[in-house]
Amino acid sequence: MNIEWRNRTFFGKQALEFSEEDKFFVIKKGIVEVQTKSGSVLTYLGVGEMVIANENLDFFARTALDLEETKIDLPLFPGYYDALLVERLDEYHYNAEVRVSICLKKLAEKFGTNRDGEIQITPIFTQYDIANYCNLKREYISVLLRRMAGRKIIRMKPKPWAVLDMQALEQYILENGY
């Protein structure tokens, strides 16, 4: 008897385990954190994006997660995540302020909700997540976020965090060495 699981459900903050047969999933609900084997965050994936099982990466459900297995006829090239890795490596030659600002911009664009003229970032992300993504200490992230809050670019309290002015955030990135 061959049982084929089309859908997978995971609950927040757990590692996703894939078998050899698992290949390609579409995220129907939730957020997936993709990490390198060394523990560096490569990216966060959201609704509509695909998870391609890769033995060189670890995947974590950050929220309740529904995945739908999808069959495609085209071969899945092993370099699917290489473009993301190259993009992340490019970010590392920028200073800390720019890296944190880029991270906030990506989170706002991908997981933000427009409310009352600001972009609220889903509250599951913490200073520790930004620190891990940017390869910085959490305490320094706090300093940089307060600096941006002082310039009225972001709001940190109350949660959820919000980007108050996306153009000001983009200008801040340019001013600090992008």
C-alpha atoms as a PDB file:
ATOM      1  CA  MET A   1       0.000   0.000   0.000  1.00  0.00           C
ATOM      2  CA  ASN A   2       1.367   3.415  -0.984  1.00  0.00           C
ATOM      3  CA  ILE A   3       0.097   6.400   0.997  1.00  0.00           C
ATOM      4  CA  GLU A   4       0.641   9.786  -0.591  1.00  0.00           C
ATOM      5  CA  TRP A   5       0.450  12.849   1.671  1.00  0.00           C
ATOM      6  CA  ARG A   6      -0.560  15.883  -0.333  1.00  0.00           C
ATOM      7  CA  ASN A   7      -0.791  18.354   2.529  1.00  0.00           C
ATOM      8  CA  ARG A   8       1.403  18.835   5.576  1.00  0.00           C
ATOM      9  CA  THR A   9       0.520  20.780   8.688  1.00  0.00           C
ATOM     10  CA  PHE A  10       3.097  21.903  11.216  1.00  0.00           C
ATOM     11  CA  PHE A  11       2.710  23.941  14.339  1.00  0.00           C
ATOM     12  CA  GLY A  12       4.862  26.954  15.147  1.00  0.00           C
ATOM     13  CA  LYS A  13       8.540  26.870  16.031  1.00  0.00           C
ATOM     14  CA  GLN A  14       9.471  23.379  14.977  1.00  0.00           C
ATOM     15  CA  ALA A  15      11.942  21.913  12.499  1.00  0.00           C
ATOM     16  CA  LEU A  16      10.490  20.654   9.238  1.00  0.00           C
ATOM     17  CA  GLU A  17      11.661  17.161   8.398  1.00  0.00           C
ATOM     18  CA  PHE A  18      11.512  16.023   4.802  1.00  0.00           C
ATOM     19  CA  SER A  19      12.107  12.529   3.441  1.00  0.00           C
ATOM     20  CA  GLU A  20      14.038  11.765   0.265  1.00  0.00           C
ATOM     21  CA  GLU A  21      10.800  11.610  -1.679  1.00  0.00           C
ATOM     22  CA  ASP A  22       9.696  15.072  -0.580  1.00  0.00           C
ATOM     23  CA  LYS A  23      10.610  17.590  -3.226  1.00  0.00           C
ATOM     24  CA  PHE A  24       8.443  20.656  -3.665  1.00  0.00           C
ATOM     25  CA  PHE A  25       5.827  22.371  -1.503  1.00  0.00           C
ATOM     26  CA  VAL A  26       3.816  25.570  -1.757  1.00  0.00           C
ATOM     27  CA  ILE A  27       3.165  27.464   1.467  1.00  0.00           C
ATOM     28  CA  LYS A  28      -0.595  27.856   1.887  1.00  0.00           C
ATOM     29  CA  LYS A  29      -0.429  29.411   5.358  1.00  0.00           C
ATOM     30  CA  GLY A  30       2.382  30.455   7.668  1.00  0.00           C
ATOM     31  CA  ILE A  31       6.042  31.440   7.659  1.00  0.00           C
ATOM     32  CA  VAL A  32       9.088  29.214   7.104  1.00  0.00           C
ATOM     33  CA  GLU A  33      12.582  30.172   8.234  1.00  0.00           C
ATOM     34  CA  VAL A  34      15.351  28.832   5.996  1.00  0.00           C
ATOM     35  CA  GLN A  35      18.752  28.406   7.658  1.00  0.00           C
ATOM     36  CA  THR A  36      22.136  27.215   6.515  1.00  0.00           C
ATOM     37  CA  LYS A  37      23.595  24.249   8.389  1.00  0.00           C
ATOM     38  CA  SER A  38      25.755  26.718  10.350  1.00  0.00           C
ATOM     39  CA  GLY A  39      22.599  28.384  11.696  1.00  0.00           C
ATOM     40  CA  SER A  40      22.606  31.582   9.613  1.00  0.00           C
ATOM     41  CA  VAL A  41      19.193  32.706   8.395  1.00  0.00           C
ATOM     42  CA  LEU A  42      19.067  32.644   4.608  1.00  0.00           C
ATOM     43  CA  THR A  43      15.514  33.890   4.203  1.00  0.00           C
ATOM     44  CA  TYR A  44      11.945  33.780   5.452  1.00  0.00           C
ATOM     45  CA  LEU A  45       9.321  32.314   3.140  1.00  0.00           C
ATOM     46  CA  GLY A  46       5.626  33.171   3.214  1.00  0.00           C
ATOM     47  CA  VAL A  47       2.291  32.316   1.603  1.00  0.00           C
ATOM     48  CA  GLY A  48       2.565  31.416  -2.072  1.00  0.00           C
ATOM     49  CA  GLU A  49       6.305  30.801  -1.952  1.00  0.00           C
ATOM     50  CA  MET A  50       7.826  27.395  -2.460  1.00  0.00           C
ATOM     51  CA  VAL A  51       9.856  25.156  -0.213  1.00  0.00           C
ATOM     52  CA  ILE A  52      12.197  22.854  -2.092  1.00  0.00           C
ATOM     53  CA  ALA A  53      13.693  20.182   0.133  1.00  0.00           C
ATOM     54  CA  ASN A  54      17.468  20.633   0.257  1.00  0.00           C
ATOM     55  CA  GLU A  55      19.844  18.574   2.382  1.00  0.00           C
ATOM     56  CA  ASN A  56      22.173  21.565   2.830  1.00  0.00           C
ATOM     57  CA  LEU A  57      19.521  23.734   4.481  1.00  0.00           C
ATOM     58  CA  ASP A  58      17.321  23.517   7.555  1.00  0.00           C
ATOM     59  CA  PHE A  59      13.692  24.627   7.509  1.00  0.00           C
ATOM     60  CA  PHE A  60      11.703  25.779  10.545  1.00  0.00           C
ATOM     61  CA  ALA A  61       8.012  26.559  10.931  1.00  0.00           C
ATOM     62  CA  ARG A  62       7.835  29.985  12.569  1.00  0.00           C
ATOM     63  CA  THR A  63       4.052  29.949  12.798  1.00  0.00           C
ATOM     64  CA  ALA A  64       1.329  27.364  12.254  1.00  0.00           C
ATOM     65  CA  LEU A  65       2.073  26.164   8.758  1.00  0.00           C
ATOM     66  CA  ASP A  66       0.181  24.456   5.955  1.00  0.00           C
ATOM     67  CA  LEU A  67       2.199  23.118   3.031  1.00  0.00           C
ATOM     68  CA  GLU A  68       0.786  21.612  -0.136  1.00  0.00           C
ATOM     69  CA  GLU A  69       2.921  19.158  -2.065  1.00  0.00           C
ATOM     70  CA  THR A  70       3.052  20.044  -5.722  1.00  0.00           C
ATOM     71  CA  LYS A  71       4.194  18.012  -8.680  1.00  0.00           C
ATOM     72  CA  ILE A  72       5.996  19.766 -11.503  1.00  0.00           C
ATOM     73  CA  ASP A  73       7.397  18.318 -14.706  1.00  0.00           C
ATOM     74  CA  LEU A  74      10.454  20.554 -14.867  1.00  0.00           C
ATOM     75  CA  PRO A  75      13.560  19.345 -13.068  1.00  0.00           C
ATOM     76  CA  LEU A  76      14.216  21.157  -9.817  1.00  0.00           C
ATOM     77  CA  PHE A  77      17.696  22.489 -10.207  1.00  0.00           C
ATOM     78  CA  PRO A  78      19.826  22.157  -7.086  1.00  0.00           C
ATOM     79  CA  GLY A  79      20.738  25.844  -7.299  1.00  0.00           C
ATOM     80  CA  TYR A  80      17.269  27.112  -6.405  1.00  0.00           C
ATOM     81  CA  TYR A  81      18.503  28.670  -3.157  1.00  0.00           C
ATOM     82  CA  ASP A  82      21.850  29.783  -4.612  1.00  0.00           C
ATOM     83  CA  ALA A  83      20.433  33.111  -5.804  1.00  0.00           C
ATOM     84  CA  LEU A  84      19.192  33.817  -2.277  1.00  0.00           C
ATOM     85  CA  LEU A  85      22.575  32.898  -0.857  1.00  0.00           C
ATOM     86  CA  VAL A  86      24.384  35.222  -3.266  1.00  0.00           C
ATOM     87  CA  GLU A  87      21.984  38.049  -2.388  1.00  0.00           C
ATOM     88  CA  ARG A  88      22.593  37.500   1.334  1.00  0.00           C
ATOM     89  CA  LEU A  89      26.369  37.401   0.837  1.00  0.00           C
ATOM     90  CA  ASP A  90      26.178  40.715  -1.041  1.00  0.00           C
ATOM     91  CA  GLU A  91      24.487  42.279   1.988  1.00  0.00           C
ATOM     92  CA  TYR A  92      27.417  41.422   4.253  1.00  0.00           C
ATOM     93  CA  HIS A  93      29.709  44.041   2.746  1.00  0.00           C
ATOM     94  CA  TYR A  94      27.380  46.773   4.032  1.00  0.00           C
ATOM     95  CA  ASN A  95      27.666  48.211   7.514  1.00  0.00           C
ATOM     96  CA  ALA A  96      25.393  47.072  10.334  1.00  0.00           C
ATOM     97  CA  GLU A  97      22.919  49.960   9.994  1.00  0.00           C
ATOM     98  CA  VAL A  98      22.326  49.170   6.339  1.00  0.00           C
ATOM     99  CA  ARG A  99      21.983  45.415   6.962  1.00  0.00           C
ATOM    100  CA  VAL A 100      19.406  45.968   9.714  1.00  0.00           C
ATOM    101  CA  SER A 101      17.535  48.489   7.562  1.00  0.00           C
ATOM    102  CA  ILE A 102      17.492  46.086   4.604  1.00  0.00           C
ATOM    103  CA  CYS A 103      16.186  43.334   6.893  1.00  0.00           C
ATOM    104  CA  LEU A 104      13.367  45.568   8.171  1.00  0.00           C
ATOM    105  CA  LYS A 105      12.508  46.616   4.629  1.00  0.00           C
ATOM    106  CA  LYS A 106      12.310  42.980   3.492  1.00  0.00           C
ATOM    107  CA  LEU A 107      10.163  42.000   6.476  1.00  0.00           C
ATOM    108  CA  ALA A 108       7.827  44.955   5.882  1.00  0.00           C
ATOM    109  CA  GLU A 109       7.493  44.223   2.168  1.00  0.00           C
ATOM    110  CA  LYS A 110       7.000  40.491   2.606  1.00  0.00           C
ATOM    111  CA  PHE A 111       5.147  40.173   5.912  1.00  0.00           C
ATOM    112  CA  GLY A 112       3.818  43.680   6.489  1.00  0.00           C
ATOM    113  CA  THR A 113       0.238  44.884   6.622  1.00  0.00           C
ATOM    114  CA  ASN A 114      -0.736  48.434   5.683  1.00  0.00           C
ATOM    115  CA  ARG A 115      -2.671  49.994   8.543  1.00  0.00           C
ATOM    116  CA  ASP A 116      -3.328  53.667   9.137  1.00  0.00           C
ATOM    117  CA  GLY A 117      -0.505  54.809   6.849  1.00  0.00           C
ATOM    118  CA  GLU A 118       2.154  52.534   8.353  1.00  0.00           C
ATOM    119  CA  ILE A 119       3.348  49.038   7.535  1.00  0.00           C
ATOM    120  CA  GLN A 120       2.975  46.760  10.546  1.00  0.00           C
ATOM    121  CA  ILE A 121       5.370  43.806  10.616  1.00  0.00           C
ATOM    122  CA  THR A 122       3.928  40.527  11.864  1.00  0.00           C
ATOM    123  CA  PRO A 123       4.782  40.279  15.582  1.00  0.00           C
ATOM    124  CA  ILE A 124       6.514  36.890  15.411  1.00  0.00           C
ATOM    125  CA  PHE A 125       9.786  38.590  14.470  1.00  0.00           C
ATOM    126  CA  THR A 126      12.011  39.668  17.354  1.00  0.00           C
ATOM    127  CA  GLN A 127      15.286  41.489  17.832  1.00  0.00           C
ATOM    128  CA  TYR A 128      16.908  38.053  18.108  1.00  0.00           C
ATOM    129  CA  ASP A 129      15.612  37.173  14.633  1.00  0.00           C
ATOM    130  CA  ILE A 130      17.016  40.377  13.156  1.00  0.00           C
ATOM    131  CA  ALA A 131      20.309  39.776  14.986  1.00  0.00           C
ATOM    132  CA  ASN A 132      20.523  36.253  13.570  1.00  0.00           C
ATOM    133  CA  TYR A 133      19.615  37.438  10.070  1.00  0.00           C
ATOM    134  CA  CYS A 134      22.187  40.261  10.159  1.00  0.00           C
ATOM    135  CA  ASN A 135      24.836  38.312  12.094  1.00  0.00           C
ATOM    136  CA  LEU A 136      24.957  40.936  14.853  1.00  0.00           C
ATOM    137  CA  LYS A 137      24.441  40.944  18.613  1.00  0.00           C
ATOM    138  CA  ARG A 138      20.885  41.499  19.830  1.00  0.00           C
ATOM    139  CA  GLU A 139      21.992  44.405  22.027  1.00  0.00           C
ATOM    140  CA  TYR A 140      23.403  46.240  19.006  1.00  0.00           C
ATOM    141  CA  ILE A 141      20.178  45.587  17.097  1.00  0.00           C
ATOM    142  CA  SER A 142      18.340  47.317  19.939  1.00  0.00           C
ATOM    143  CA  VAL A 143      20.589  50.385  19.613  1.00  0.00           C
ATOM    144  CA  LEU A 144      20.096  50.562  15.847  1.00  0.00           C
ATOM    145  CA  LEU A 145      16.323  50.117  16.079  1.00  0.00           C
ATOM    146  CA  ARG A 146      16.067  52.855  18.714  1.00  0.00           C
ATOM    147  CA  ARG A 147      18.092  55.137  16.444  1.00  0.00           C
ATOM    148  CA  MET A 148      15.620  54.542  13.597  1.00  0.00           C
ATOM    149  CA  ALA A 149      12.687  55.002  15.969  1.00  0.00           C
ATOM    150  CA  GLY A 150      14.193  58.323  17.091  1.00  0.00           C
ATOM    151  CA  ARG A 151      14.207  59.464  13.462  1.00  0.00           C
ATOM    152  CA  LYS A 152      10.518  58.437  13.154  1.00  0.00           C
ATOM    153  CA  ILE A 153      11.330  55.794  10.532  1.00  0.00           C
ATOM    154  CA  ILE A 154       9.980  52.897  12.578  1.00  0.00           C
ATOM    155  CA  ARG A 155       7.850  52.347  15.665  1.00  0.00           C
ATOM    156  CA  MET A 156       8.924  49.638  18.093  1.00  0.00           C
ATOM    157  CA  LYS A 157       6.296  49.956  20.830  1.00  0.00           C
ATOM    158  CA  PRO A 158       3.676  48.742  21.151  1.00  0.00           C
ATOM    159  CA  LYS A 159       4.144  45.596  19.104  1.00  0.00           C
ATOM    160  CA  PRO A 160       3.742  44.953  16.251  1.00  0.00           C
ATOM    161  CA  TRP A 161       6.676  46.960  14.978  1.00  0.00           C
ATOM    162  CA  ALA A 162       5.822  49.297  12.150  1.00  0.00           C
ATOM    163  CA  VAL A 163       7.651  51.049   9.355  1.00  0.00           C
ATOM    164  CA  LEU A 164       6.194  54.537   9.585  1.00  0.00           C
ATOM    165  CA  ASP A 165       7.664  55.806   6.322  1.00  0.00           C
ATOM    166  CA  MET A 166       9.062  53.399   3.728  1.00  0.00           C
ATOM    167  CA  GLN A 167      10.637  56.230   1.729  1.00  0.00           C
ATOM    168  CA  ALA A 168      12.433  57.457   4.854  1.00  0.00           C
ATOM    169  CA  LEU A 169      13.690  53.903   5.464  1.00  0.00           C
ATOM    170  CA  GLU A 170      14.992  53.690   1.892  1.00  0.00           C
ATOM    171  CA  GLN A 171      16.664  57.099   2.290  1.00  0.00           C
ATOM    172  CA  TYR A 172      18.210  55.947   5.589  1.00  0.00           C
ATOM    173  CA  ILE A 173      19.677  52.935   3.773  1.00  0.00           C
ATOM    174  CA  LEU A 174      21.200  55.202   1.108  1.00  0.00           C
ATOM    175  CA  GLU A 175      22.569  57.684   3.667  1.00  0.00           C
ATOM    176  CA  ASN A 176      24.309  54.932   5.606  1.00  0.00           C
ATOM    177  CA  GLY A 177      26.322  53.451   2.796  1.00  0.00           C
ATOM    178  CA  TYR A 178      24.165  51.364   0.468  1.00  0.00           C
END
